[in-house]
C-alpha atoms as a PDB file:
ATOM      1  CA  MET A   1       0.000   0.000   0.000  1.00  0.00           C
ATOM      2  CA  ALA A   2       2.855   2.352   0.802  1.00  0.00           C
ATOM      3  CA  ASP A   3       4.328   1.802  -2.643  1.00  0.00           C
ATOM      4  CA  VAL A   4       1.037   2.804  -4.271  1.00  0.00           C
ATOM      5  CA  ILE A   5       0.887   6.029  -2.289  1.00  0.00           C
ATOM      6  CA  PHE A   6       4.566   6.758  -2.943  1.00  0.00           C
ATOM      7  CA  ASP A   7       4.129   6.400  -6.714  1.00  0.00           C
ATOM      8  CA  ALA A   8       0.862   8.386  -6.892  1.00  0.00           C
ATOM      9  CA  PRO A   9       2.459  11.769  -7.704  1.00  0.00           C
ATOM     10  CA  ILE A  10       3.927  10.367 -10.912  1.00  0.00           C
ATOM     11  CA  ALA A  11       0.607  11.053 -12.637  1.00  0.00           C
ATOM     12  CA  GLN A  12       0.817  14.680 -11.433  1.00  0.00           C
ATOM     13  CA  ALA A  13       4.419  15.173 -12.506  1.00  0.00           C
ATOM     14  CA  PRO A  14       5.289  18.309 -14.472  1.00  0.00           C
ATOM     15  CA  ALA A  15       5.162  18.224 -18.239  1.00  0.00           C
ATOM     16  CA  LYS A  16       8.050  16.637 -20.093  1.00  0.00           C
ATOM     17  CA  PRO A  17      10.955  18.935 -21.037  1.00  0.00           C
ATOM     18  CA  ARG A  18      10.088  18.650 -24.730  1.00  0.00           C
ATOM     19  CA  ALA A  19       6.509  19.791 -24.113  1.00  0.00           C
ATOM     20  CA  VAL A  20       7.724  22.640 -21.915  1.00  0.00           C
ATOM     21  CA  PHE A  21      10.240  23.725 -24.560  1.00  0.00           C
ATOM     22  CA  ARG A  22       7.506  23.641 -27.213  1.00  0.00           C
ATOM     23  CA  GLY A  23       5.321  25.812 -24.996  1.00  0.00           C
ATOM     24  CA  LEU A  24       8.156  28.310 -24.535  1.00  0.00           C
ATOM     25  CA  LEU A  25       8.654  28.644 -28.289  1.00  0.00           C
ATOM     26  CA  HIS A  26       4.949  29.249 -28.904  1.00  0.00           C
ATOM     27  CA  ASN A  27       4.563  31.912 -26.214  1.00  0.00           C
ATOM     28  CA  PRO A  28       4.777  35.423 -27.763  1.00  0.00           C
ATOM     29  CA  ALA A  29       5.661  37.010 -24.419  1.00  0.00           C
ATOM     30  CA  ILE A  30       8.715  34.770 -24.078  1.00  0.00           C
ATOM     31  CA  LEU A  31       9.734  35.402 -27.688  1.00  0.00           C
ATOM     32  CA  PHE A  32       9.502  39.178 -27.287  1.00  0.00           C
ATOM     33  CA  GLY A  33      11.192  39.309 -23.892  1.00  0.00           C
ATOM     34  CA  GLY A  34      13.890  36.824 -24.848  1.00  0.00           C
ATOM     35  CA  THR A  35      14.686  38.675 -28.096  1.00  0.00           C
ATOM     36  CA  VAL A  36      15.062  42.059 -26.395  1.00  0.00           C
ATOM     37  CA  ILE A  37      17.173  40.600 -23.588  1.00  0.00           C
ATOM     38  CA  ALA A  38      19.368  38.784 -26.127  1.00  0.00           C
ATOM     39  CA  ILE A  39      19.956  42.073 -27.977  1.00  0.00           C
ATOM     40  CA  VAL A  40      20.876  43.880 -24.749  1.00  0.00           C
ATOM     41  CA  LEU A  41      23.145  40.983 -23.743  1.00  0.00           C
ATOM     42  CA  LEU A  42      24.935  41.081 -27.090  1.00  0.00           C
ATOM     43  CA  MET A  43      25.283  44.847 -26.758  1.00  0.00           C
ATOM     44  CA  ALA A  44      26.916  44.397 -23.356  1.00  0.00           C
ATOM     45  CA  LEU A  45      29.250  41.611 -24.483  1.00  0.00           C
ATOM     46  CA  LEU A  46      30.283  43.412 -27.689  1.00  0.00           C
ATOM     47  CA  ALA A  47      30.602  46.846 -26.071  1.00  0.00           C
ATOM     48  CA  PRO A  48      34.369  47.174 -26.872  1.00  0.00           C
ATOM     49  CA  TRP A  49      33.546  46.712 -30.567  1.00  0.00           C
ATOM     50  CA  LEU A  50      30.185  48.493 -30.699  1.00  0.00           C
ATOM     51  CA  GLY A  51      31.299  51.509 -28.692  1.00  0.00           C
ATOM     52  CA  THR A  52      32.864  54.242 -30.810  1.00  0.00           C
ATOM     53  CA  ILE A  53      35.256  55.732 -28.235  1.00  0.00           C
ATOM     54  CA  ASP A  54      36.208  55.457 -24.568  1.00  0.00           C
ATOM     55  CA  PRO A  55      32.956  56.022 -22.614  1.00  0.00           C
ATOM     56  CA  THR A  56      34.879  57.834 -19.863  1.00  0.00           C
ATOM     57  CA  GLY A  57      36.889  60.058 -22.221  1.00  0.00           C
ATOM     58  CA  ILE A  58      36.308  63.765 -21.503  1.00  0.00           C
ATOM     59  CA  ASN A  59      36.396  66.179 -24.460  1.00  0.00           C
ATOM     60  CA  PRO A  60      35.523  69.758 -23.401  1.00  0.00           C
ATOM     61  CA  ILE A  61      35.499  70.945 -27.016  1.00  0.00           C
ATOM     62  CA  ALA A  62      32.634  68.549 -27.851  1.00  0.00           C
ATOM     63  CA  ARG A  63      30.331  69.439 -24.946  1.00  0.00           C
ATOM     64  CA  ASN A  64      26.577  68.953 -25.428  1.00  0.00           C
ATOM     65  CA  LYS A  65      26.604  67.976 -29.088  1.00  0.00           C
ATOM     66  CA  VAL A  66      23.210  67.047 -30.533  1.00  0.00           C
ATOM     67  CA  PRO A  67      22.657  63.522 -31.916  1.00  0.00           C
ATOM     68  CA  GLY A  68      24.337  63.053 -35.299  1.00  0.00           C
ATOM     69  CA  ALA A  69      26.794  65.928 -34.836  1.00  0.00           C
ATOM     70  CA  GLU A  70      30.449  65.499 -35.746  1.00  0.00           C
ATOM     71  CA  PHE A  71      33.313  66.245 -33.381  1.00  0.00           C
ATOM     72  CA  PHE A  72      37.025  65.598 -33.056  1.00  0.00           C
ATOM     73  CA  PHE A  73      38.411  63.159 -30.518  1.00  0.00           C
ATOM     74  CA  ARG A  74      42.078  63.051 -29.530  1.00  0.00           C
ATOM     75  CA  THR A  75      43.488  59.570 -28.843  1.00  0.00           C
ATOM     76  CA  ASP A  76      46.145  58.658 -26.286  1.00  0.00           C
ATOM     77  CA  THR A  77      48.781  58.952 -29.006  1.00  0.00           C
ATOM     78  CA  GLY A  78      47.729  62.520 -29.787  1.00  0.00           C
ATOM     79  CA  GLU A  79      45.984  61.688 -33.067  1.00  0.00           C
ATOM     80  CA  ARG A  80      42.803  63.626 -33.862  1.00  0.00           C
ATOM     81  CA  ILE A  81      39.921  61.513 -35.173  1.00  0.00           C
ATOM     82  CA  ARG A  82      36.670  62.790 -36.626  1.00  0.00           C
ATOM     83  CA  MET A  83      33.750  61.065 -34.882  1.00  0.00           C
ATOM     84  CA  VAL A  84      29.975  61.125 -35.183  1.00  0.00           C
ATOM     85  CA  ALA A  85      27.985  61.443 -31.957  1.00  0.00           C
ATOM     86  CA  TRP A  86      25.088  59.119 -32.785  1.00  0.00           C
ATOM     87  CA  PHE A  87      23.381  59.855 -29.459  1.00  0.00           C
ATOM     88  CA  GLY A  88      25.054  63.226 -28.884  1.00  0.00           C
ATOM     89  CA  THR A  89      27.483  64.120 -26.085  1.00  0.00           C
ATOM     90  CA  ASP A  90      26.989  65.157 -22.476  1.00  0.00           C
ATOM     91  CA  GLY A  91      28.170  68.181 -20.522  1.00  0.00           C
ATOM     92  CA  LEU A  92      31.720  66.823 -20.285  1.00  0.00           C
ATOM     93  CA  GLY A  93      31.970  65.921 -23.967  1.00  0.00           C
ATOM     94  CA  ARG A  94      31.591  62.178 -23.394  1.00  0.00           C
ATOM     95  CA  ASP A  95      29.939  60.178 -26.156  1.00  0.00           C
ATOM     96  CA  VAL A  96      26.443  59.201 -24.960  1.00  0.00           C
ATOM     97  CA  TYR A  97      26.212  56.292 -27.414  1.00  0.00           C
ATOM     98  CA  SER A  98      29.345  54.632 -26.035  1.00  0.00           C
ATOM     99  CA  ARG A  99      28.202  55.245 -22.476  1.00  0.00           C
ATOM    100  CA  VAL A 100      24.788  53.686 -23.163  1.00  0.00           C
ATOM    101  CA  VAL A 101      26.396  50.616 -24.733  1.00  0.00           C
ATOM    102  CA  TYR A 102      28.809  50.126 -21.838  1.00  0.00           C
ATOM    103  CA  GLY A 103      26.064  50.916 -19.327  1.00  0.00           C
ATOM    104  CA  ALA A 104      24.243  47.746 -20.371  1.00  0.00           C
ATOM    105  CA  ARG A 105      27.040  45.755 -18.750  1.00  0.00           C
ATOM    106  CA  VAL A 106      26.433  47.139 -15.273  1.00  0.00           C
ATOM    107  CA  SER A 107      22.651  46.869 -15.517  1.00  0.00           C
ATOM    108  CA  LEU A 108      22.718  43.224 -16.621  1.00  0.00           C
ATOM    109  CA  LEU A 109      25.428  42.314 -14.108  1.00  0.00           C
ATOM    110  CA  VAL A 110      23.471  43.838 -11.232  1.00  0.00           C
ATOM    111  CA  GLY A 111      20.159  42.334 -12.362  1.00  0.00           C
ATOM    112  CA  VAL A 112      21.431  38.797 -12.915  1.00  0.00           C
ATOM    113  CA  ALA A 113      23.675  38.770  -9.829  1.00  0.00           C
ATOM    114  CA  VAL A 114      20.908  40.017  -7.531  1.00  0.00           C
ATOM    115  CA  ALA A 115      18.430  37.504  -8.968  1.00  0.00           C
ATOM    116  CA  VAL A 116      20.787  34.541  -8.597  1.00  0.00           C
ATOM    117  CA  ILE A 117      21.988  35.422  -5.087  1.00  0.00           C
ATOM    118  CA  SER A 118      18.473  36.230  -3.874  1.00  0.00           C
ATOM    119  CA  VAL A 119      17.020  32.993  -5.216  1.00  0.00           C
ATOM    120  CA  VAL A 120      19.841  30.820  -3.837  1.00  0.00           C
ATOM    121  CA  CYS A 121      19.783  32.417  -0.375  1.00  0.00           C
ATOM    122  CA  GLY A 122      15.995  32.602  -0.243  1.00  0.00           C
ATOM    123  CA  LEU A 123      15.664  28.986  -1.379  1.00  0.00           C
ATOM    124  CA  PHE A 124      17.973  27.706   1.357  1.00  0.00           C
ATOM    125  CA  ILE A 125      16.390  29.789   4.117  1.00  0.00           C
ATOM    126  CA  GLY A 126      12.867  29.040   2.881  1.00  0.00           C
ATOM    127  CA  LEU A 127      13.508  25.290   2.922  1.00  0.00           C
ATOM    128  CA  LEU A 128      14.674  25.529   6.530  1.00  0.00           C
ATOM    129  CA  ALA A 129      11.708  27.667   7.570  1.00  0.00           C
ATOM    130  CA  GLY A 130       9.124  25.548   5.780  1.00  0.00           C
ATOM    131  CA  PHE A 131      10.352  22.065   6.657  1.00  0.00           C
ATOM    132  CA  PHE A 132      11.723  22.556  10.173  1.00  0.00           C
ATOM    133  CA  ARG A 133       9.169  24.051  12.540  1.00  0.00           C
ATOM    134  CA  LEU A 134      11.921  24.853  15.042  1.00  0.00           C
ATOM    135  CA  PHE A 135      13.438  27.502  12.727  1.00  0.00           C
ATOM    136  CA  ASP A 136      10.173  28.751  11.254  1.00  0.00           C
ATOM    137  CA  ALA A 137       9.172  31.310  13.880  1.00  0.00           C
ATOM    138  CA  VAL A 138      12.638  32.840  14.248  1.00  0.00           C
ATOM    139  CA  ILE A 139      13.400  33.037  10.529  1.00  0.00           C
ATOM    140  CA  MET A 140      10.026  34.474   9.547  1.00  0.00           C
ATOM    141  CA  ARG A 141      10.128  37.179  12.206  1.00  0.00           C
ATOM    142  CA  ILE A 142      13.502  38.289  10.830  1.00  0.00           C
ATOM    143  CA  MET A 143      12.096  38.260   7.294  1.00  0.00           C
ATOM    144  CA  ASP A 144       9.048  40.246   8.431  1.00  0.00           C
ATOM    145  CA  GLY A 145      11.370  42.840   9.951  1.00  0.00           C
ATOM    146  CA  LEU A 146      13.314  43.210   6.704  1.00  0.00           C
ATOM    147  CA  MET A 147      10.124  43.458   4.659  1.00  0.00           C
ATOM    148  CA  ALA A 148       8.867  46.260   6.888  1.00  0.00           C
ATOM    149  CA  ILE A 149      11.671  48.495   5.564  1.00  0.00           C
ATOM    150  CA  PRO A 150      11.168  49.851   2.019  1.00  0.00           C
ATOM    151  CA  ALA A 151      13.647  48.168  -0.324  1.00  0.00           C
ATOM    152  CA  ILE A 152      14.981  51.395  -1.816  1.00  0.00           C
ATOM    153  CA  LEU A 153      15.574  52.953   1.628  1.00  0.00           C
ATOM    154  CA  LEU A 154      17.375  49.851   2.895  1.00  0.00           C
ATOM    155  CA  ALA A 155      19.532  49.815  -0.248  1.00  0.00           C
ATOM    156  CA  ILE A 156      20.367  53.528   0.170  1.00  0.00           C
ATOM    157  CA  ALA A 157      21.331  52.980   3.815  1.00  0.00           C
ATOM    158  CA  MET A 158      23.615  50.049   3.003  1.00  0.00           C
ATOM    159  CA  VAL A 159      25.304  51.820   0.088  1.00  0.00           C
ATOM    160  CA  SER A 160      25.892  54.861   2.290  1.00  0.00           C
ATOM    161  CA  LEU A 161      27.604  52.775   4.977  1.00  0.00           C
ATOM    162  CA  PHE A 162      30.146  51.095   2.705  1.00  0.00           C
ATOM    163  CA  ARG A 163      32.502  52.095  -0.096  1.00  0.00           C
ATOM    164  CA  SER A 164      30.744  52.700  -3.376  1.00  0.00           C
ATOM    165  CA  SER A 165      31.241  49.830  -5.837  1.00  0.00           C
ATOM    166  CA  VAL A 166      29.236  47.564  -8.110  1.00  0.00           C
ATOM    167  CA  TRP A 167      29.279  44.691  -5.601  1.00  0.00           C
ATOM    168  CA  THR A 168      28.211  46.988  -2.767  1.00  0.00           C
ATOM    169  CA  VAL A 169      25.185  47.924  -4.848  1.00  0.00           C
ATOM    170  CA  ILE A 170      24.494  44.245  -5.615  1.00  0.00           C
ATOM    171  CA  ILE A 171      24.551  43.284  -1.932  1.00  0.00           C
ATOM    172  CA  ALA A 172      22.471  46.323  -0.952  1.00  0.00           C
ATOM    173  CA  ILE A 173      19.770  45.398  -3.476  1.00  0.00           C
ATOM    174  CA  THR A 174      19.906  41.672  -2.683  1.00  0.00           C
ATOM    175  CA  VAL A 175      19.150  41.954   1.034  1.00  0.00           C
ATOM    176  CA  PRO A 176      15.636  43.451   0.587  1.00  0.00           C
ATOM    177  CA  GLN A 177      14.796  40.880  -2.118  1.00  0.00           C
ATOM    178  CA  VAL A 178      15.550  37.771  -0.047  1.00  0.00           C
ATOM    179  CA  PRO A 179      12.498  37.932   2.299  1.00  0.00           C
ATOM    180  CA  GLY A 180      10.065  37.723  -0.617  1.00  0.00           C
ATOM    181  CA  VAL A 181      11.806  34.602  -1.933  1.00  0.00           C
ATOM    182  CA  VAL A 182      11.851  33.058   1.540  1.00  0.00           C
ATOM    183  CA  ARG A 183       8.107  33.552   1.989  1.00  0.00           C
ATOM    184  CA  LEU A 184       7.373  32.057  -1.432  1.00  0.00           C
ATOM    185  CA  VAL A 185       9.564  28.983  -0.849  1.00  0.00           C
ATOM    186  CA  ARG A 186       8.176  28.503   2.655  1.00  0.00           C
ATOM    187  CA  SER A 187       4.605  28.495   1.367  1.00  0.00           C
ATOM    188  CA  ILE A 188       5.491  25.896  -1.275  1.00  0.00           C
ATOM    189  CA  VAL A 189       7.305  23.695   1.236  1.00  0.00           C
ATOM    190  CA  LEU A 190       4.430  23.876   3.730  1.00  0.00           C
ATOM    191  CA  SER A 191       2.083  22.663   0.999  1.00  0.00           C
ATOM    192  CA  VAL A 192       4.364  19.918  -0.313  1.00  0.00           C
ATOM    193  CA  ARG A 193       5.225  18.673   3.170  1.00  0.00           C
ATOM    194  CA  GLU A 194       1.642  17.561   3.719  1.00  0.00           C
ATOM    195  CA  GLU A 195       1.406  15.598   0.457  1.00  0.00           C
ATOM    196  CA  PRO A 196       0.835  11.813   0.806  1.00  0.00           C
ATOM    197  CA  TYR A 197       3.986  10.883  -1.100  1.00  0.00           C
ATOM    198  CA  VAL A 198       6.141  12.981   1.261  1.00  0.00           C
ATOM    199  CA  GLU A 199       4.513  11.389   4.277  1.00  0.00           C
ATOM    200  CA  ALA A 200       5.051   7.955   2.690  1.00  0.00           C
ATOM    201  CA  ALA A 201       8.730   8.759   2.098  1.00  0.00           C
ATOM    202  CA  VAL A 202       9.117   9.773   5.743  1.00  0.00           C
ATOM    203  CA  THR A 203       7.425   6.545   6.832  1.00  0.00           C
ATOM    204  CA  LEU A 204       9.831   4.528   4.695  1.00  0.00           C
ATOM    205  CA  GLY A 205      12.764   6.142   6.507  1.00  0.00           C
ATOM    206  CA  THR A 206      13.994   8.512   3.771  1.00  0.00           C
ATOM    207  CA  SER A 207      16.671  10.829   5.137  1.00  0.00           C
ATOM    208  CA  THR A 208      15.839  14.528   5.406  1.00  0.00           C
ATOM    209  CA  PRO A 209      18.482  15.719   2.865  1.00  0.00           C
ATOM    210  CA  LYS A 210      17.286  13.132   0.334  1.00  0.00           C
ATOM    211  CA  LEU A 211      13.671  14.029   1.001  1.00  0.00           C
ATOM    212  CA  LEU A 212      14.340  17.714   0.408  1.00  0.00           C
ATOM    213  CA  TRP A 213      16.406  17.035  -2.710  1.00  0.00           C
ATOM    214  CA  ARG A 214      14.087  14.545  -4.414  1.00  0.00           C
ATOM    215  CA  HIS A 215      10.588  15.586  -3.356  1.00  0.00           C
ATOM    216  CA  VAL A 216      10.565  19.163  -2.074  1.00  0.00           C
ATOM    217  CA  LEU A 217      13.170  21.046  -4.093  1.00  0.00           C
ATOM    218  CA  PRO A 218      11.822  20.073  -7.572  1.00  0.00           C
ATOM    219  CA  ASN A 219       8.490  21.714  -6.715  1.00  0.00           C
ATOM    220  CA  THR A 220      10.241  25.066  -6.176  1.00  0.00           C
ATOM    221  CA  ILE A 221      12.203  25.199  -9.460  1.00  0.00           C
ATOM    222  CA  ALA A 222       9.511  26.682 -11.726  1.00  0.00           C
ATOM    223  CA  PRO A 223       8.313  29.332  -9.215  1.00  0.00           C
ATOM    224  CA  MET A 224      11.922  30.330  -8.508  1.00  0.00           C
ATOM    225  CA  ILE A 225      12.692  30.815 -12.212  1.00  0.00           C
ATOM    226  CA  VAL A 226       9.692  33.115 -12.558  1.00  0.00           C
ATOM    227  CA  GLN A 227      10.476  34.952  -9.324  1.00  0.00           C
ATOM    228  CA  GLY A 228      14.076  35.404 -10.460  1.00  0.00           C
ATOM    229  CA  THR A 229      12.997  37.292 -13.581  1.00  0.00           C
ATOM    230  CA  PHE A 230      10.927  39.760 -11.565  1.00  0.00           C
ATOM    231  CA  ILE A 231      13.787  40.245  -9.098  1.00  0.00           C
ATOM    232  CA  CYS A 232      16.144  40.901 -12.025  1.00  0.00           C
ATOM    233  CA  ALA A 233      13.866  43.633 -13.396  1.00  0.00           C
ATOM    234  CA  SER A 234      13.459  45.197  -9.958  1.00  0.00           C
ATOM    235  CA  ALA A 235      17.221  45.144  -9.364  1.00  0.00           C
ATOM    236  CA  ILE A 236      17.939  46.880 -12.687  1.00  0.00           C
ATOM    237  CA  LEU A 237      15.468  49.614 -11.798  1.00  0.00           C
ATOM    238  CA  ILE A 238      16.777  50.088  -8.237  1.00  0.00           C
ATOM    239  CA  GLU A 239      20.376  50.269  -9.518  1.00  0.00           C
ATOM    240  CA  ALA A 240      19.341  52.995 -11.961  1.00  0.00           C
ATOM    241  CA  ILE A 241      17.599  54.904  -9.145  1.00  0.00           C
ATOM    242  CA  LEU A 242      20.663  54.673  -6.894  1.00  0.00           C
ATOM    243  CA  SER A 243      22.963  55.808  -9.700  1.00  0.00           C
ATOM    244  CA  PHE A 244      20.585  58.626 -10.601  1.00  0.00           C
ATOM    245  CA  LEU A 245      20.726  59.795  -6.988  1.00  0.00           C
ATOM    246  CA  GLY A 246      24.532  59.663  -7.061  1.00  0.00           C
ATOM    247  CA  ILE A 247      24.916  56.914  -4.432  1.00  0.00           C
ATOM    248  CA  GLY A 248      25.197  53.882  -6.670  1.00  0.00           C
ATOM    249  CA  VAL A 249      28.263  52.705  -8.543  1.00  0.00           C
ATOM    250  CA  PRO A 250      31.226  55.124  -8.840  1.00  0.00           C
ATOM    251  CA  PRO A 251      30.547  58.051 -11.208  1.00  0.00           C
ATOM    252  CA  GLU A 252      33.344  57.007 -13.565  1.00  0.00           C
ATOM    253  CA  VAL A 253      31.565  53.708 -14.292  1.00  0.00           C
ATOM    254  CA  PRO A 254      28.968  54.303 -17.039  1.00  0.00           C
ATOM    255  CA  THR A 255      25.478  53.152 -16.094  1.00  0.00           C
ATOM    256  CA  TRP A 256      22.109  54.143 -17.471  1.00  0.00           C
ATOM    257  CA  GLY A 257      21.260  55.765 -14.139  1.00  0.00           C
ATOM    258  CA  ASN A 258      24.259  58.083 -13.876  1.00  0.00           C
ATOM    259  CA  ILE A 259      24.050  58.928 -17.596  1.00  0.00           C
ATOM    260  CA  MET A 260      20.565  60.298 -16.941  1.00  0.00           C
ATOM    261  CA  ALA A 261      21.768  61.968 -13.746  1.00  0.00           C
ATOM    262  CA  ALA A 262      24.474  63.815 -15.692  1.00  0.00           C
ATOM    263  CA  GLY A 263      21.913  65.228 -18.112  1.00  0.00           C
ATOM    264  CA  ARG A 264      19.023  66.113 -15.808  1.00  0.00           C
ATOM    265  CA  GLU A 265      20.128  69.740 -15.281  1.00  0.00           C
ATOM    266  CA  VAL A 266      20.130  70.482 -19.026  1.00  0.00           C
ATOM    267  CA  PHE A 267      17.219  68.255 -19.987  1.00  0.00           C
ATOM    268  CA  SER A 268      15.163  71.081 -21.479  1.00  0.00           C
ATOM    269  CA  LEU A 269      18.013  72.021 -23.836  1.00  0.00           C
ATOM    270  CA  PHE A 270      19.646  68.613 -24.467  1.00  0.00           C
ATOM    271  CA  PRO A 271      17.062  65.896 -23.782  1.00  0.00           C
ATOM    272  CA  HIS A 272      19.142  63.231 -25.555  1.00  0.00           C
ATOM    273  CA  ASN A 273      21.184  62.744 -22.371  1.00  0.00           C
ATOM    274  CA  ILE A 274      18.127  61.217 -20.692  1.00  0.00           C
ATOM    275  CA  ILE A 275      15.993  59.928 -23.562  1.00  0.00           C
ATOM    276  CA  TYR A 276      18.405  57.320 -24.954  1.00  0.00           C
ATOM    277  CA  PRO A 277      19.471  55.658 -21.671  1.00  0.00           C
ATOM    278  CA  GLY A 278      15.889  55.984 -20.413  1.00  0.00           C
ATOM    279  CA  VAL A 279      14.512  54.130 -23.445  1.00  0.00           C
ATOM    280  CA  CYS A 280      17.110  51.354 -23.039  1.00  0.00           C
ATOM    281  CA  LEU A 281      16.284  51.058 -19.340  1.00  0.00           C
ATOM    282  CA  ALA A 282      12.522  50.951 -19.946  1.00  0.00           C
ATOM    283  CA  LEU A 283      12.773  48.382 -22.754  1.00  0.00           C
ATOM    284  CA  THR A 284      15.050  46.119 -20.724  1.00  0.00           C
ATOM    285  CA  ILE A 285      12.809  46.174 -17.647  1.00  0.00           C
ATOM    286  CA  LEU A 286       9.720  45.639 -19.819  1.00  0.00           C
ATOM    287  CA  ALA A 287      11.356  42.691 -21.588  1.00  0.00           C
ATOM    288  CA  VAL A 288      12.383  41.009 -18.323  1.00  0.00           C
ATOM    289  CA  ASN A 289       8.901  41.446 -16.843  1.00  0.00           C
ATOM    290  CA  VAL A 290       7.205  40.169 -20.000  1.00  0.00           C
ATOM    291  CA  LEU A 291       9.587  37.195 -20.035  1.00  0.00           C
ATOM    292  CA  GLY A 292       8.644  36.464 -16.427  1.00  0.00           C
ATOM    293  CA  ASP A 293       4.934  36.575 -17.277  1.00  0.00           C
ATOM    294  CA  GLY A 294       5.504  34.203 -20.184  1.00  0.00           C
ATOM    295  CA  LEU A 295       7.477  31.784 -18.053  1.00  0.00           C
ATOM    296  CA  ARG A 296       4.776  31.840 -15.404  1.00  0.00           C
ATOM    297  CA  ASP A 297       2.086  31.061 -17.975  1.00  0.00           C
ATOM    298  CA  THR A 298       4.136  28.176 -19.374  1.00  0.00           C
ATOM    299  CA  LEU A 299       5.640  26.641 -16.236  1.00  0.00           C
ATOM    300  CA  ASP A 300       2.713  27.028 -13.839  1.00  0.00           C
ATOM    301  CA  PRO A 301       0.213  24.215 -14.499  1.00  0.00           C
ATOM    302  CA  LYS A 302      -2.653  26.292 -13.111  1.00  0.00           C
ATOM    303  CA  MET A 303      -2.013  29.164 -15.527  1.00  0.00           C
ATOM    304  CA  ALA A 304      -0.639  27.319 -18.526  1.00  0.00           C
ATOM    305  CA  LYS A 305      -2.472  27.987 -21.754  1.00  0.00           C
ATOM    306  CA  ARG A 306      -3.784  24.829 -23.388  1.00  0.00           C
ATOM    307  CA  VAL A 307      -3.103  24.729 -27.075  1.00  0.00           C
END
């Protein structure tokens, strides 16, 4: 009888990988989001070849050039090169196009790093809180305390306490994101723990690590993938806000946030300083969110669209 109960969930197992992959390819949200993210990723990886000049190079003669204007740039060897400012230049004569291209690197690094670290930490803590009642009360009260503080304020406080760097920003954004992951994983574990096949596995003497690995953890994979995409989009936006406020990554590192911050005082005269990085930021966040919606529709059996 125990064997029958233990094998019962096989009929409720997730769809086969081939069926899931077919569903991903036929989902327009995933196609749109994945295409935009792939373009931004290629832009970040190929920045040394796509960028026209050094994104940190200051050229006072070429200050505040409009998009499409020509200017001269002096190389390290003293050679003067005629360049075209596709996106214009900022108040220090830096090429906005090159800065936008290189800024994609920081945004993607922060978004992906925060998503991965948040999911890994939240998954581990959530498994402990959901499966072991002894840790549940203590862990969840700590998570409730962190969630009571607005994420942007907690990130600002942490960045202000430590030296400004990309990894400081990543850690500062990660900490407020972990409680949400913990609560999601805990709710899944509490539900799975009461399933008959888990109780049967416990009765048969299955060790706790094996039980978590084989029966509990697989049920969290799909929700964590979806949650990771939303965390990535949120992290990209928070990084841009911190950089815009001047407390994010160092000013010499080009990011979409500090590019817009450099042009906010002359926006009425030279709006290109904000429009181009703002459009890239908005499209990237939109693509990540749309991708997350598509993954949720495909991977969640309750919301999957039947074809």
